[in-house]
Each structure stands twice: as C-alpha cells, then as structure tokens.
C-alpha cells in the first residue's frame, strides 16, 4: 500500500467518524429527546412548554445548525492536518 493511499484511507476514516458522530448527536436530539424521552422531559418547563416539546420544535433545529458549524470547523482542521486545505 502506498503512502498516499494510506493517508487517503486515514483521511476518509476520520471523515466518516465525524459524520457518524454528527448523525448520532442529531438523532439523539431529534428522536431521543423529542420523541422517545419526551414523557421523562414533560416535567421540565422551558419557555412556557415542556422540554420534550421544545426539543421537537426548536432544540433539534438548533442542534442541527450547531452540528453544521462544528462539522465545517472539524473538516477544516482535518483538511489542514492532511494538507488538503485551500490556503
């Protein structure tokens, strides 16, 4: 296996770990807190409604936006680490 192929494989494995981690966080916020754990979160009030409803309406969207910025930031770091940045 050539050095370039090995580096390419390491880059894509790191990229896939980042993607899978982001999907897990998104699923936990969207499905876990908003649907599956809603009965447990019903007693916590935020903004005049229960926390489970808040996650279903606002929290999952805000989590997704944060994940977009986090993914872009981490990919820029990964690109610099492997010499693939655009600078």
N, C-alpha and C. Protein backbone atom coordinates (compact mmCIF):
# COMPACT_ATOMS: atom_id res chain seq x y z
N UNK A 1 0.85 -1.17 0.00
CA UNK A 1 0.00 0.00 0.00
C UNK A 1 0.90 1.24 0.00
N UNK A 2 0.65 2.16 -0.90
CA UNK A 2 1.47 3.36 -0.99
C UNK A 2 1.16 4.32 0.15
N UNK A 3 2.10 5.24 0.40
CA UNK A 3 1.91 6.21 1.48
C UNK A 3 0.71 7.10 1.20
N UNK A 4 0.51 7.47 -0.08
CA UNK A 4 -0.63 8.32 -0.44
C UNK A 4 -1.94 7.60 -0.18
N UNK A 5 -2.00 6.33 -0.52
CA UNK A 5 -3.21 5.55 -0.31
C UNK A 5 -3.51 5.41 1.18
N UNK A 6 -2.45 5.21 1.97
CA UNK A 6 -2.62 5.08 3.42
C UNK A 6 -3.15 6.38 4.02
N UNK A 7 -2.59 7.52 3.62
CA UNK A 7 -3.05 8.82 4.11
C UNK A 7 -4.49 9.09 3.68
N UNK A 8 -4.81 8.72 2.45
CA UNK A 8 -6.16 8.90 1.94
C UNK A 8 -7.16 8.08 2.76
N UNK A 9 -6.77 6.87 3.07
CA UNK A 9 -7.63 6.00 3.87
C UNK A 9 -7.82 6.57 5.28
N UNK A 10 -6.75 7.08 5.89
CA UNK A 10 -6.85 7.69 7.22
C UNK A 10 -7.76 8.92 7.19
N UNK A 11 -7.65 9.72 6.12
CA UNK A 11 -8.48 10.91 5.97
C UNK A 11 -9.96 10.54 5.91
N UNK A 12 -10.31 9.55 5.08
CA UNK A 12 -11.71 9.19 4.93
C UNK A 12 -12.27 8.49 6.17
N UNK A 13 -11.43 7.74 6.87
CA UNK A 13 -11.89 7.14 8.13
C UNK A 13 -12.21 8.22 9.15
N UNK A 14 -11.35 9.25 9.23
CA UNK A 14 -11.60 10.36 10.15
C UNK A 14 -12.85 11.12 9.74
N UNK A 15 -13.04 11.31 8.44
CA UNK A 15 -14.23 11.99 7.92
C UNK A 15 -15.49 11.20 8.27
N UNK A 16 -15.46 9.91 8.07
CA UNK A 16 -16.63 9.08 8.38
C UNK A 16 -16.93 9.05 9.88
N UNK A 17 -15.88 9.05 10.72
CA UNK A 17 -16.11 9.12 12.17
C UNK A 17 -16.82 10.41 12.53
N UNK A 18 -16.42 11.50 11.90
CA UNK A 18 -17.05 12.80 12.16
C UNK A 18 -18.51 12.80 11.70
N UNK A 19 -18.77 12.23 10.55
CA UNK A 19 -20.14 12.15 10.03
C UNK A 19 -21.02 11.28 10.93
N UNK A 20 -20.52 10.11 11.31
CA UNK A 20 -21.30 9.21 12.16
C UNK A 20 -21.56 9.85 13.52
N UNK A 21 -20.55 10.50 14.09
CA UNK A 21 -20.74 11.18 15.36
C UNK A 21 -21.79 12.28 15.27
N UNK A 22 -21.75 13.04 14.17
CA UNK A 22 -22.74 14.10 13.97
C UNK A 22 -24.15 13.52 13.83
N UNK A 23 -24.28 12.42 13.11
CA UNK A 23 -25.59 11.79 12.95
C UNK A 23 -26.13 11.24 14.27
N UNK A 24 -25.24 10.73 15.11
CA UNK A 24 -25.68 10.22 16.41
C UNK A 24 -26.20 11.36 17.28
N UNK A 25 -25.47 12.48 17.30
CA UNK A 25 -25.92 13.64 18.09
C UNK A 25 -27.25 14.15 17.55
N UNK A 26 -27.36 14.26 16.22
CA UNK A 26 -28.60 14.74 15.62
C UNK A 26 -29.77 13.81 15.95
N UNK A 27 -29.55 12.50 15.84
CA UNK A 27 -30.62 11.54 16.14
C UNK A 27 -31.02 11.60 17.61
N UNK A 28 -30.04 11.76 18.49
CA UNK A 28 -30.35 11.84 19.92
C UNK A 28 -31.21 13.07 20.20
N UNK A 29 -30.87 14.20 19.58
CA UNK A 29 -31.65 15.42 19.82
C UNK A 29 -33.02 15.34 19.16
N UNK A 30 -33.06 14.86 17.92
CA UNK A 30 -34.32 14.86 17.17
C UNK A 30 -35.27 13.76 17.61
N UNK A 31 -34.77 12.55 17.73
CA UNK A 31 -35.64 11.42 18.06
C UNK A 31 -35.62 11.09 19.55
N UNK A 32 -34.43 11.12 20.11
CA UNK A 32 -34.30 10.75 21.52
C UNK A 32 -35.03 11.69 22.45
N UNK A 33 -34.62 12.97 22.44
CA UNK A 33 -35.21 13.94 23.36
C UNK A 33 -36.62 14.33 22.96
N UNK A 34 -36.86 14.47 21.66
CA UNK A 34 -38.17 14.97 21.22
C UNK A 34 -39.26 13.90 21.21
N UNK A 35 -38.91 12.65 21.02
CA UNK A 35 -39.93 11.61 20.88
C UNK A 35 -39.81 10.56 21.99
N UNK A 36 -38.67 9.89 22.04
CA UNK A 36 -38.53 8.76 22.97
C UNK A 36 -38.50 9.19 24.43
N UNK A 37 -37.80 10.26 24.74
CA UNK A 37 -37.67 10.70 26.13
C UNK A 37 -38.65 11.81 26.51
N UNK A 38 -39.57 12.13 25.62
CA UNK A 38 -40.50 13.22 25.91
C UNK A 38 -41.29 13.02 27.21
N UNK A 39 -41.80 11.83 27.50
CA UNK A 39 -42.53 11.67 28.77
C UNK A 39 -41.65 11.97 29.99
N UNK A 40 -40.38 11.66 29.93
CA UNK A 40 -39.48 11.94 31.05
C UNK A 40 -39.15 13.42 31.15
N UNK A 41 -39.21 14.12 30.02
CA UNK A 41 -38.87 15.54 29.98
C UNK A 41 -40.09 16.45 30.15
N UNK A 42 -41.26 15.86 30.28
CA UNK A 42 -42.50 16.64 30.34
C UNK A 42 -42.59 17.50 31.59
N UNK A 43 -41.84 17.14 32.62
CA UNK A 43 -41.93 17.88 33.87
C UNK A 43 -40.97 19.07 33.93
N UNK A 44 -40.08 19.16 32.96
CA UNK A 44 -39.12 20.27 32.91
C UNK A 44 -39.69 21.33 31.98
N UNK A 45 -39.92 22.50 32.52
CA UNK A 45 -40.52 23.59 31.74
C UNK A 45 -39.43 24.51 31.18
N UNK A 46 -39.60 24.88 29.91
CA UNK A 46 -38.72 25.85 29.27
C UNK A 46 -39.56 26.67 28.30
N UNK A 47 -39.51 27.96 28.43
CA UNK A 47 -40.25 28.83 27.52
C UNK A 47 -41.75 28.61 27.54
N UNK A 48 -42.32 28.20 28.65
CA UNK A 48 -43.76 28.00 28.75
C UNK A 48 -44.26 26.65 28.26
N UNK A 49 -43.37 25.76 27.90
CA UNK A 49 -43.77 24.43 27.44
C UNK A 49 -42.79 23.40 28.01
N UNK A 50 -43.10 22.13 27.82
CA UNK A 50 -42.21 21.12 28.37
C UNK A 50 -40.97 20.94 27.47
N UNK A 51 -39.90 20.43 28.06
CA UNK A 51 -38.62 20.32 27.38
C UNK A 51 -38.69 19.39 26.17
N UNK A 52 -39.47 18.32 26.23
CA UNK A 52 -39.60 17.41 25.10
C UNK A 52 -40.21 18.10 23.89
N UNK A 53 -41.25 18.88 24.12
CA UNK A 53 -41.87 19.64 23.03
C UNK A 53 -40.91 20.68 22.49
N UNK A 54 -40.16 21.33 23.39
CA UNK A 54 -39.19 22.34 22.96
C UNK A 54 -38.15 21.71 22.05
N UNK A 55 -37.64 20.52 22.40
CA UNK A 55 -36.67 19.85 21.54
C UNK A 55 -37.28 19.50 20.19
N UNK A 56 -38.53 19.08 20.19
CA UNK A 56 -39.18 18.74 18.92
C UNK A 56 -39.33 19.96 18.02
N UNK A 57 -39.60 21.12 18.60
CA UNK A 57 -39.86 22.32 17.81
C UNK A 57 -38.62 23.16 17.57
N UNK A 58 -37.77 23.33 18.58
CA UNK A 58 -36.64 24.25 18.46
C UNK A 58 -35.29 23.56 18.66
N UNK A 59 -35.22 22.73 19.64
CA UNK A 59 -33.93 22.14 20.03
C UNK A 59 -33.27 21.33 18.94
N UNK A 60 -34.04 20.53 18.22
CA UNK A 60 -33.44 19.72 17.17
C UNK A 60 -32.93 20.59 16.03
N UNK A 61 -33.63 21.67 15.73
CA UNK A 61 -33.19 22.59 14.67
C UNK A 61 -31.91 23.30 15.10
N UNK A 62 -31.88 23.80 16.34
CA UNK A 62 -30.69 24.48 16.83
C UNK A 62 -29.51 23.52 16.92
N UNK A 63 -29.77 22.29 17.33
CA UNK A 63 -28.71 21.29 17.38
C UNK A 63 -28.16 21.03 15.98
N UNK A 64 -29.02 20.95 14.99
CA UNK A 64 -28.60 20.72 13.62
C UNK A 64 -27.73 21.88 13.11
N UNK A 65 -28.10 23.10 13.42
CA UNK A 65 -27.31 24.26 12.99
C UNK A 65 -25.93 24.24 13.65
N UNK A 66 -25.89 23.93 14.94
CA UNK A 66 -24.61 23.82 15.63
C UNK A 66 -23.76 22.72 15.01
N UNK A 67 -24.38 21.60 14.67
CA UNK A 67 -23.65 20.49 14.03
C UNK A 67 -23.06 20.90 12.68
N UNK A 68 -23.77 21.71 11.92
CA UNK A 68 -23.25 22.16 10.63
C UNK A 68 -21.96 22.94 10.83
N UNK A 69 -21.97 23.90 11.78
CA UNK A 69 -20.77 24.69 12.03
C UNK A 69 -19.65 23.84 12.62
N UNK A 70 -19.99 22.91 13.51
CA UNK A 70 -18.99 22.03 14.09
C UNK A 70 -18.35 21.15 13.01
N UNK A 71 -19.16 20.61 12.11
CA UNK A 71 -18.64 19.77 11.03
C UNK A 71 -17.70 20.57 10.13
N UNK A 72 -18.09 21.78 9.77
CA UNK A 72 -17.24 22.62 8.91
C UNK A 72 -15.92 22.93 9.61
N UNK A 73 -15.97 23.26 10.89
CA UNK A 73 -14.77 23.57 11.65
C UNK A 73 -13.84 22.36 11.73
N UNK A 74 -14.42 21.19 12.05
CA UNK A 74 -13.61 19.97 12.15
C UNK A 74 -13.05 19.54 10.79
N UNK A 75 -13.82 19.71 9.74
CA UNK A 75 -13.32 19.34 8.41
C UNK A 75 -12.18 20.26 7.99
N UNK A 76 -12.25 21.55 8.33
CA UNK A 76 -11.14 22.45 8.04
C UNK A 76 -9.88 22.00 8.78
N UNK A 77 -10.03 21.60 10.03
CA UNK A 77 -8.88 21.09 10.79
C UNK A 77 -8.34 19.82 10.16
N UNK A 78 -9.23 18.93 9.76
CA UNK A 78 -8.82 17.67 9.14
C UNK A 78 -8.12 17.93 7.81
N UNK A 79 -8.65 18.85 7.02
CA UNK A 79 -8.02 19.19 5.74
C UNK A 79 -6.61 19.75 5.95
N UNK A 80 -6.45 20.62 6.95
CA UNK A 80 -5.12 21.17 7.24
C UNK A 80 -4.17 20.08 7.69
N UNK A 81 -4.66 19.15 8.52
CA UNK A 81 -3.82 18.06 9.03
C UNK A 81 -3.29 17.20 7.89
N UNK A 82 -4.11 16.97 6.87
CA UNK A 82 -3.70 16.11 5.76
C UNK A 82 -3.22 16.89 4.55
N UNK A 83 -3.05 18.21 4.71
CA UNK A 83 -2.52 19.01 3.61
C UNK A 83 -3.49 19.23 2.46
N UNK A 84 -4.76 19.22 2.75
CA UNK A 84 -5.77 19.39 1.70
C UNK A 84 -6.52 20.71 1.78
N UNK A 85 -6.01 21.63 2.61
CA UNK A 85 -6.70 22.90 2.78
C UNK A 85 -6.55 23.77 1.54
N UNK A 86 -7.40 24.75 1.44
CA UNK A 86 -7.47 25.59 0.23
C UNK A 86 -6.61 26.83 0.32
N UNK A 87 -5.80 26.95 1.35
CA UNK A 87 -4.99 28.15 1.50
C UNK A 87 -3.78 28.12 0.63
